[in-house]
Structures are given as C-alpha cells and as structure tokens.
Protein backbone atom coordinates (compact mmCIF):
# COMPACT_ATOMS: atom_id res chain seq x y z
CA ASN A 1 132.57 3.07 -51.73
CA MET A 2 134.00 6.28 -51.46
CA MET A 3 134.32 7.26 -54.70
CA PHE A 4 130.83 7.13 -55.96
CA LEU A 5 129.24 8.54 -52.90
CA HIS A 6 132.14 11.97 -53.35
CA THR A 7 130.52 11.19 -57.07
CA VAL A 8 126.89 11.51 -56.37
CA GLY A 9 127.69 14.58 -54.20
CA LEU A 10 129.72 16.45 -56.64
CA ASP A 11 126.99 15.74 -59.56
CA GLN A 12 123.87 17.14 -56.95
CA GLN A 13 125.54 19.47 -55.66
CA THR A 14 126.90 21.40 -59.18
CA ARG A 15 122.55 20.26 -59.80
CA ALA A 16 121.55 22.70 -56.65
CA ILE A 17 123.35 25.65 -57.63
CA VAL A 18 122.68 25.86 -61.62
CA SER A 19 119.08 25.55 -60.52
CA ASP A 20 120.02 28.61 -57.38
CA ILE A 21 121.44 30.63 -59.57
CA TYR A 22 118.51 29.58 -62.72
CA TYR A 23 116.49 31.60 -59.53
CA ALA A 24 118.64 33.99 -58.58
CA ARG A 25 118.28 34.65 -62.66
CA GLN A 26 113.86 34.57 -62.59
CA LEU A 27 114.50 36.72 -59.57
CA ALA A 28 116.10 39.27 -61.37
CA GLN A 29 113.26 39.01 -63.67
CA THR A 30 110.19 39.14 -61.48
CA GLU A 31 111.15 41.28 -58.92
CA SER A 32 112.87 44.31 -61.29
CA LYS A 33 116.27 43.76 -59.11
CA HIS A 34 119.75 43.51 -59.63
CA ILE A 35 120.42 39.95 -57.75
CA THR A 36 123.72 38.55 -56.74
CA VAL A 37 125.02 34.86 -56.56
CA ILE A 38 128.30 35.80 -54.19
CA PHE A 39 130.80 32.23 -53.94
CA SER A 40 132.91 31.50 -50.56
CA HIS A 41 135.88 28.81 -50.73
CA LYS A 42 137.70 27.41 -47.79
CA SER A 43 140.05 29.11 -46.13
CA LEU A 44 142.57 29.00 -42.98
CA LEU A 45 139.27 31.43 -41.42
CA VAL A 46 136.46 29.02 -43.18
CA ASN A 47 136.42 25.79 -42.77
CA SER A 48 133.28 25.55 -45.21
CA ALA A 49 132.69 26.87 -48.59
CA GLY A 50 128.89 27.83 -49.65
CA TYR A 51 126.98 31.00 -51.46
CA GLN A 52 124.07 33.07 -50.70
CA LEU A 53 121.40 34.49 -53.05
CA LYS A 54 121.66 38.37 -52.48
CA ASP A 55 119.27 41.22 -52.86
CA GLY A 56 121.58 44.57 -52.52
CA GLU A 57 122.76 43.66 -49.30
CA LYS A 58 120.11 41.45 -47.81
CA VAL A 59 120.22 37.86 -47.78
CA LEU A 60 117.53 35.71 -49.94
CA ARG A 61 119.34 32.36 -49.04
CA GLU A 62 122.12 30.42 -47.79
CA ARG A 63 123.62 27.17 -49.25
CA ILE A 64 127.05 25.52 -47.64
CA MET A 65 128.47 23.09 -48.63
CA PRO A 66 129.24 19.69 -47.42
CA GLY A 67 132.71 19.17 -46.19
CA SER A 68 134.50 17.32 -49.08
CA ILE A 69 132.95 20.18 -51.44
CA ASP A 70 134.73 23.15 -52.08
CA LEU A 71 133.98 26.35 -54.80
CA GLY A 72 136.75 27.97 -57.10
CA GLY A 73 136.61 30.02 -60.03
CA ALA A 74 133.90 33.51 -59.58
CA GLY A 75 132.96 35.14 -56.70
CA LYS A 76 130.41 36.44 -57.99
CA ILE A 77 127.41 35.90 -60.47
CA GLY A 78 125.04 39.13 -60.83
CA PHE A 79 122.08 39.60 -63.27
CA ALA A 80 121.09 42.45 -64.56
CA VAL A 81 116.65 43.04 -64.39
CA SER A 82 116.63 41.93 -68.56
CA GLY A 83 117.65 38.20 -67.05
CA PHE A 84 121.71 39.61 -68.41
CA PRO A 85 124.32 38.64 -66.28
CA VAL A 86 125.80 42.14 -64.83
CA PHE A 87 129.23 43.55 -66.40
CA GLY A 88 131.54 41.69 -64.89
CA GLU A 89 129.51 38.88 -63.53
CA SER A 90 129.49 36.05 -65.40
CA GLY A 91 132.43 33.50 -65.66
CA THR A 92 132.94 30.51 -64.04
CA VAL A 93 132.51 28.48 -60.84
CA LYS A 94 134.50 25.14 -59.76
CA VAL A 95 132.27 22.76 -57.54
CA ILE A 96 135.86 20.81 -56.37
CA CYS A 97 135.97 17.26 -54.33
CA GLY A 98 138.42 15.86 -54.38
CA SER A 99 140.62 15.19 -56.92
CA ARG A 100 137.70 15.73 -59.71
CA GLU A 101 135.78 18.94 -60.43
CA LYS A 102 132.95 20.60 -62.83
CA LYS A 103 132.28 23.79 -64.03
CA ILE A 104 129.20 25.70 -63.99
CA ILE A 105 129.28 28.01 -67.60
CA VAL A 106 127.84 31.58 -66.94
CA SER A 107 127.86 33.77 -70.07
CA SER A 108 127.96 36.78 -71.06
CA VAL A 109 124.58 36.60 -72.31
CA GLY A 110 123.68 34.68 -69.41
CA ARG A 111 123.84 30.79 -70.78
CA ILE A 112 123.90 28.26 -67.73
CA ARG A 113 126.03 25.13 -68.78
CA ILE A 114 127.90 22.21 -66.71
CA GLU A 115 131.02 20.61 -67.69
C-alpha cells in the first residue's frame, strides 16, 4: 500500500528533522555558537530536498530527503548560545509527501512542535 508507505516515510522524516533541530539547539548551548539549520527544497536544478546543520560556513551534518519528500516554508532555523532562536530564524518548516504535509513549528521562544 503506497499510501501507508508515504505516511510512514513522512512521519519518520519529520521526526528525524525535529531531532536534528533539537540537536542544533543543544549544540548552540554546549558549544556556545550560533548554529543554523539550512533547508533546501526541490527545484529545476535540485532534484532532492535536504538540509544542513552549520556552524558559520562549516557543515556539521547534512541530510538528503528520499525522492518522495520535499521541504518548504522556512529556509533557515538558527539558535543562539542561549538556546533561543536568533531573531528572524524561527518559523515553520513543511515536510511534504504527495498531497500530505506535516508542519514543524519552531516558535520565537524556541518551542518545537509538529502539526
């Protein structure tokens, strides 16, 4: 059943992204650095979506989404040393699979939830 596979894939990828966003926040606090998660979506030039955890220009972790998954919404989530998002670096990341989508919402005070 393809729909079931899509559902599992969507939920699994969403949880993995949330886990990496938490990791970025933790890293910002423990390493006393501004850590960002940069998201890229599919386009004419890019045939798979993905994201990178970065410390400045240094890539700490990179993930490529399976072909069935696309990303949308916020292009960047960033955390300050305090563990709070940097001003303007919070928002909603959409994880899209066909007609279904999950939203990962990072509030301006750093609360992370899935809808």
